[in-house]
C-alpha atoms as a PDB file:
ATOM      1  CA  MET A   1      18.731  -0.582   0.937  1.00  0.00           C
ATOM      2  CA  PHE A   2      17.705  -4.142   0.143  1.00  0.00           C
ATOM      3  CA  ASP A   3      17.479  -4.887   3.881  1.00  0.00           C
ATOM      4  CA  ILE A   4      15.025  -2.024   4.360  1.00  0.00           C
ATOM      5  CA  ILE A   5      12.816  -3.156   1.471  1.00  0.00           C
ATOM      6  CA  LYS A   6      12.901  -6.721   2.808  1.00  0.00           C
ATOM      7  CA  LEU A   7      11.961  -5.506   6.295  1.00  0.00           C
ATOM      8  CA  VAL A   8       9.016  -3.501   4.936  1.00  0.00           C
ATOM      9  CA  PHE A   9       7.998  -6.492   2.816  1.00  0.00           C
ATOM     10  CA  ASP A  10       8.118  -8.693   5.946  1.00  0.00           C
ATOM     11  CA  ILE A  11       5.814  -6.201   7.669  1.00  0.00           C
ATOM     12  CA  CYS A  12       3.448  -6.448   4.702  1.00  0.00           C
ATOM     13  CA  LEU A  13       3.574 -10.258   5.018  1.00  0.00           C
ATOM     14  CA  PHE A  14       2.734  -9.978   8.749  1.00  0.00           C
ATOM     15  CA  LYS A  15       6.083 -11.527   9.735  1.00  0.00           C
ATOM     16  CA  LYS A  16       7.408  -8.365  11.404  1.00  0.00           C
ATOM     17  CA  GLY A  17       5.924  -5.282  12.994  1.00  0.00           C
ATOM     18  CA  PRO A  18       6.773  -1.590  13.203  1.00  0.00           C
ATOM     19  CA  GLN A  19       8.816  -2.325  16.340  1.00  0.00           C
ATOM     20  CA  ASP A  20      11.321  -4.135  14.104  1.00  0.00           C
ATOM     21  CA  LEU A  21      12.168  -0.923  12.252  1.00  0.00           C
ATOM     22  CA  PRO A  22      14.950   1.221  13.675  1.00  0.00           C
ATOM     23  CA  GLY A  23      13.607   4.467  15.101  1.00  0.00           C
ATOM     24  CA  SER A  24      15.907   6.616  12.985  1.00  0.00           C
ATOM     25  CA  VAL A  25      15.137   9.907  11.298  1.00  0.00           C
ATOM     26  CA  TRP A  26      17.229   8.785   8.309  1.00  0.00           C
ATOM     27  CA  LEU A  27      15.003   5.745   7.732  1.00  0.00           C
ATOM     28  CA  LEU A  28      11.857   7.828   8.125  1.00  0.00           C
ATOM     29  CA  ARG A  29      13.134  10.301   5.508  1.00  0.00           C
ATOM     30  CA  LEU A  30      14.100   7.478   3.160  1.00  0.00           C
ATOM     31  CA  LEU A  31      10.676   5.819   3.399  1.00  0.00           C
ATOM     32  CA  LEU A  32       8.976   9.206   3.041  1.00  0.00           C
ATOM     33  CA  ALA A  33      10.933   9.813  -0.169  1.00  0.00           C
ATOM     34  CA  GLY A  34       9.943   6.363  -1.436  1.00  0.00           C
ATOM     35  CA  TYR A  35       6.310   7.032  -0.555  1.00  0.00           C
ATOM     36  CA  ILE A  36       6.354  10.377  -2.361  1.00  0.00           C
ATOM     37  CA  GLY A  37       7.985   8.840  -5.441  1.00  0.00           C
ATOM     38  CA  ILE A  38       5.558   5.919  -5.731  1.00  0.00           C
ATOM     39  CA  ARG A  39       2.505   8.090  -5.025  1.00  0.00           C
ATOM     40  CA  ALA A  40       3.678  10.609  -7.634  1.00  0.00           C
ATOM     41  CA  LEU A  41       3.978   7.830 -10.227  1.00  0.00           C
ATOM     42  CA  MET A  42       0.524   6.570  -9.318  1.00  0.00           C
ATOM     43  CA  LEU A  43      -1.234   9.935  -9.253  1.00  0.00           C
ATOM     44  CA  ARG A  44       0.468  11.278 -12.400  1.00  0.00           C
ATOM     45  CA  ILE A  45      -1.415   8.656 -14.398  1.00  0.00           C
ATOM     46  CA  TYR A  46      -4.588  10.669 -13.782  1.00  0.00           C
ATOM     47  CA  PHE A  47      -3.614  14.153 -12.576  1.00  0.00           C
ATOM     48  CA  ASP A  48      -1.302  17.036 -13.467  1.00  0.00           C
ATOM     49  CA  TRP A  49       1.773  17.841 -11.378  1.00  0.00           C
ATOM     50  CA  LEU A  50       0.109  20.469  -9.176  1.00  0.00           C
ATOM     51  CA  ASP A  51      -2.819  18.228  -8.214  1.00  0.00           C
ATOM     52  CA  THR A  52      -0.396  15.345  -7.662  1.00  0.00           C
ATOM     53  CA  LEU A  53       1.786  17.426  -5.342  1.00  0.00           C
ATOM     54  CA  LEU A  54      -1.174  18.818  -3.407  1.00  0.00           C
ATOM     55  CA  GLN A  55      -2.697  15.365  -2.935  1.00  0.00           C
ATOM     56  CA  ILE A  56       0.579  13.923  -1.689  1.00  0.00           C
ATOM     57  CA  VAL A  57       1.028  16.772   0.799  1.00  0.00           C
ATOM     58  CA  VAL A  58      -2.518  16.288   2.145  1.00  0.00           C
ATOM     59  CA  GLU A  59      -2.000  12.499   2.381  1.00  0.00           C
ATOM     60  CA  ILE A  60       1.231  12.961   4.342  1.00  0.00           C
ATOM     61  CA  PHE A  61      -0.346  15.455   6.742  1.00  0.00           C
ATOM     62  CA  MET A  62      -3.267  13.097   7.358  1.00  0.00           C
ATOM     63  CA  LEU A  63      -0.946  10.138   7.950  1.00  0.00           C
ATOM     64  CA  VAL A  64       1.315  12.103  10.301  1.00  0.00           C
ATOM     65  CA  GLY A  65      -1.701  13.507  12.151  1.00  0.00           C
ATOM     66  CA  PHE A  66      -3.381  10.122  12.482  1.00  0.00           C
ATOM     67  CA  THR A  67      -0.182   8.493  13.721  1.00  0.00           C
ATOM     68  CA  TRP A  68       0.520  11.218  16.264  1.00  0.00           C
ATOM     69  CA  ILE A  69      -3.059  11.324  17.607  1.00  0.00           C
ATOM     70  CA  ALA A  70      -3.340   7.537  17.862  1.00  0.00           C
ATOM     71  CA  LEU A  71      -0.043   7.224  19.727  1.00  0.00           C
ATOM     72  CA  TYR A  72      -0.772  10.264  21.898  1.00  0.00           C
ATOM     73  CA  LEU A  73      -4.092   8.788  23.038  1.00  0.00           C
ATOM     74  CA  VAL A  74      -2.433   5.563  24.179  1.00  0.00           C
ATOM     75  CA  ARG A  75       0.597   7.428  25.566  1.00  0.00           C
ATOM     76  CA  LYS A  76       3.162   5.770  23.304  1.00  0.00           C
ATOM     77  CA  LEU A  77       4.591   8.733  21.377  1.00  0.00           C
ATOM     78  CA  GLY A  78       8.044   7.133  21.547  1.00  0.00           C
ATOM     79  CA  ARG A  79       6.882   4.789  18.770  1.00  0.00           C
ATOM     80  CA  PHE A  80       6.007   7.645  16.398  1.00  0.00           C
ATOM     81  CA  SER A  81       8.906   7.320  13.938  1.00  0.00           C
ATOM     82  CA  GLN A  82       8.617   3.522  13.766  1.00  0.00           C
ATOM     83  CA  MET A  83       4.847   3.515  13.230  1.00  0.00           C
ATOM     84  CA  LEU A  84       4.987   6.305  10.664  1.00  0.00           C
ATOM     85  CA  ALA A  85       7.889   4.658   8.838  1.00  0.00           C
ATOM     86  CA  ALA A  86       6.021   1.333   8.764  1.00  0.00           C
ATOM     87  CA  LEU A  87       2.838   2.971   7.442  1.00  0.00           C
ATOM     88  CA  LEU A  88       4.748   4.937   4.781  1.00  0.00           C
ATOM     89  CA  GLY A  89       6.810   1.945   3.702  1.00  0.00           C
ATOM     90  CA  ALA A  90       3.873  -0.455   3.568  1.00  0.00           C
ATOM     91  CA  ASP A  91       1.744   2.002   1.615  1.00  0.00           C
ATOM     92  CA  ALA A  92       4.581   2.641  -0.848  1.00  0.00           C
ATOM     93  CA  LEU A  93       5.203  -1.082  -1.345  1.00  0.00           C
ATOM     94  CA  ILE A  94       1.541  -1.965  -1.869  1.00  0.00           C
ATOM     95  CA  SER A  95       1.100   1.067  -4.135  1.00  0.00           C
ATOM     96  CA  PHE A  96       4.095  -0.104  -6.166  1.00  0.00           C
ATOM     97  CA  PHE A  97       2.393  -3.463  -6.711  1.00  0.00           C
ATOM     98  CA  SER A  98      -0.799  -1.701  -7.775  1.00  0.00           C
ATOM     99  CA  LEU A  99       0.859   0.434 -10.482  1.00  0.00           C
ATOM    100  CA  PRO A 100       0.294  -2.071 -13.335  1.00  0.00           C
ATOM    101  CA  ALA A 101      -3.383  -2.464 -12.431  1.00  0.00           C
ATOM    102  CA  ILE A 102      -3.892   1.298 -12.185  1.00  0.00           C
ATOM    103  CA  ALA A 103      -2.155   1.836 -15.531  1.00  0.00           C
ATOM    104  CA  SER A 104      -4.376  -0.866 -17.079  1.00  0.00           C
ATOM    105  CA  MET A 105      -7.513   0.812 -15.739  1.00  0.00           C
ATOM    106  CA  ALA A 106      -6.330   4.227 -16.957  1.00  0.00           C
ATOM    107  CA  SER A 107      -5.762   2.878 -20.467  1.00  0.00           C
ATOM    108  CA  GLY A 108      -9.253   1.399 -20.543  1.00  0.00           C
ATOM    109  CA  HIS A 109      -8.087  -2.222 -20.402  1.00  0.00           C
ATOM    110  CA  GLY A 110      -9.305  -2.876 -16.886  1.00  0.00           C
ATOM    111  CA  GLY A 111     -11.546  -5.903 -16.834  1.00  0.00           C
ATOM    112  CA  ILE A 112     -12.810  -8.087 -14.039  1.00  0.00           C
ATOM    113  CA  LEU A 113      -9.307  -9.467 -13.419  1.00  0.00           C
ATOM    114  CA  VAL A 114      -7.816  -5.998 -12.880  1.00  0.00           C
ATOM    115  CA  PHE A 115     -10.775  -5.041 -10.690  1.00  0.00           C
ATOM    116  CA  SER A 116     -10.266  -8.214  -8.621  1.00  0.00           C
ATOM    117  CA  VAL A 117      -6.552  -7.504  -8.254  1.00  0.00           C
ATOM    118  CA  MET A 118      -7.299  -3.976  -7.066  1.00  0.00           C
ATOM    119  CA  LEU A 119      -9.830  -5.254  -4.528  1.00  0.00           C
ATOM    120  CA  GLY A 120      -7.237  -7.710  -3.248  1.00  0.00           C
ATOM    121  CA  LEU A 121      -4.622  -4.975  -2.935  1.00  0.00           C
ATOM    122  CA  ILE A 122      -7.080  -2.716  -1.092  1.00  0.00           C
ATOM    123  CA  GLY A 123      -7.889  -5.545   1.312  1.00  0.00           C
ATOM    124  CA  TRP A 124      -4.185  -6.255   1.798  1.00  0.00           C
ATOM    125  CA  HIS A 125      -3.511  -2.553   2.489  1.00  0.00           C
ATOM    126  CA  TRP A 126      -6.278  -2.494   5.099  1.00  0.00           C
ATOM    127  CA  ALA A 127      -4.998  -5.665   6.789  1.00  0.00           C
ATOM    128  CA  VAL A 128      -1.382  -4.431   6.841  1.00  0.00           C
ATOM    129  CA  THR A 129      -2.444  -1.051   8.238  1.00  0.00           C
ATOM    130  CA  GLY A 130      -4.397  -2.860  10.957  1.00  0.00           C
ATOM    131  CA  HIS A 131      -1.367  -5.067  11.661  1.00  0.00           C
ATOM    132  CA  ILE A 132       0.884  -2.020  12.073  1.00  0.00           C
ATOM    133  CA  ILE A 133      -1.644  -0.256  14.314  1.00  0.00           C
ATOM    134  CA  ARG A 134      -2.043  -3.397  16.429  1.00  0.00           C
ATOM    135  CA  HIS A 135       1.664  -3.630  17.147  1.00  0.00           C
ATOM    136  CA  ALA A 136       2.221   0.110  17.611  1.00  0.00           C
ATOM    137  CA  LEU A 137      -0.730   0.672  19.961  1.00  0.00           C
ATOM    138  CA  ASP A 138      -0.717  -2.741  21.688  1.00  0.00           C
ATOM    139  CA  LYS A 139      -4.408  -3.223  20.915  1.00  0.00           C
ATOM    140  CA  SER A 140      -6.427  -6.187  19.671  1.00  0.00           C
ATOM    141  CA  LEU A 141      -6.514  -7.094  15.999  1.00  0.00           C
ATOM    142  CA  ILE A 142     -10.251  -6.371  15.747  1.00  0.00           C
ATOM    143  CA  PHE A 143      -9.800  -2.914  17.271  1.00  0.00           C
ATOM    144  CA  SER A 144      -6.822  -2.236  15.002  1.00  0.00           C
ATOM    145  CA  LEU A 145      -8.635  -3.355  11.849  1.00  0.00           C
ATOM    146  CA  GLY A 146     -11.581  -1.160  12.822  1.00  0.00           C
ATOM    147  CA  LEU A 147      -9.317   1.836  13.403  1.00  0.00           C
ATOM    148  CA  ALA A 148      -7.498   1.149  10.124  1.00  0.00           C
ATOM    149  CA  PHE A 149     -10.828   0.981   8.299  1.00  0.00           C
ATOM    150  CA  LEU A 150     -11.975   4.273   9.844  1.00  0.00           C
ATOM    151  CA  TYR A 151      -8.675   5.935   8.943  1.00  0.00           C
ATOM    152  CA  LEU A 152      -8.703   4.685   5.349  1.00  0.00           C
ATOM    153  CA  LEU A 153     -12.368   5.596   4.879  1.00  0.00           C
ATOM    154  CA  GLY A 154     -11.879   8.995   6.517  1.00  0.00           C
ATOM    155  CA  SER A 155      -8.799   9.787   4.447  1.00  0.00           C
ATOM    156  CA  TYR A 156     -10.655   8.873   1.258  1.00  0.00           C
ATOM    157  CA  GLN A 157     -13.524  11.161   2.295  1.00  0.00           C
ATOM    158  CA  VAL A 158     -11.144  14.060   2.996  1.00  0.00           C
ATOM    159  CA  MET A 159      -9.418  13.550  -0.351  1.00  0.00           C
ATOM    160  CA  ALA A 160     -12.783  13.408  -2.152  1.00  0.00           C
ATOM    161  CA  LEU A 161     -13.864  16.598  -0.398  1.00  0.00           C
ATOM    162  CA  LEU A 162     -10.661  18.498  -1.181  1.00  0.00           C
ATOM    163  CA  PHE A 163     -10.137  16.980  -4.634  1.00  0.00           C
ATOM    164  CA  PRO A 164     -13.554  16.094  -6.150  1.00  0.00           C
ATOM    165  CA  GLU A 165     -11.878  14.610  -9.232  1.00  0.00           C
ATOM    166  CA  VAL A 166     -10.542  11.811  -6.986  1.00  0.00           C
ATOM    167  CA  ALA A 167     -14.115  10.655  -6.379  1.00  0.00           C
ATOM    168  CA  GLY A 168     -15.042  11.075 -10.030  1.00  0.00           C
ATOM    169  CA  VAL A 169     -17.128  14.192  -9.369  1.00  0.00           C
ATOM    170  CA  GLU A 170     -16.136  17.165 -11.466  1.00  0.00           C
END
């Protein structure tokens, strides 16, 4: 287990890529379970169990759909489990690091430091997503960062549309 966390951490530090993950269904399930657990902890700070579950299901469908479409368009579907596992693992790891900042903001103690930390984590998430896309699709870093930005922005828009409370609109 430690080896898997270290490998995902190395991906988040740009030392490894999704190609370094084994293409196993077991690993994909394990990282999916980790993703669900971390996201549930994060979302439960603000939402009830039903909204938390629904948001996680929508997030997973968007991530699976994005991964499949991106790989299908470049004809590299054989990399599906590795790319999806890398995206799930990286998101779970970065989300884990953001839990203290999110809890601070939820308790009303979020100042400029917490806001700065969250901006840094968002930037890191974007860069890591671009890094994973770059290696999985064999595209340039600029293209991959652009695609990562469009995916992250689009997924936020879908979540805000389906769950207005996410965007602060009630």
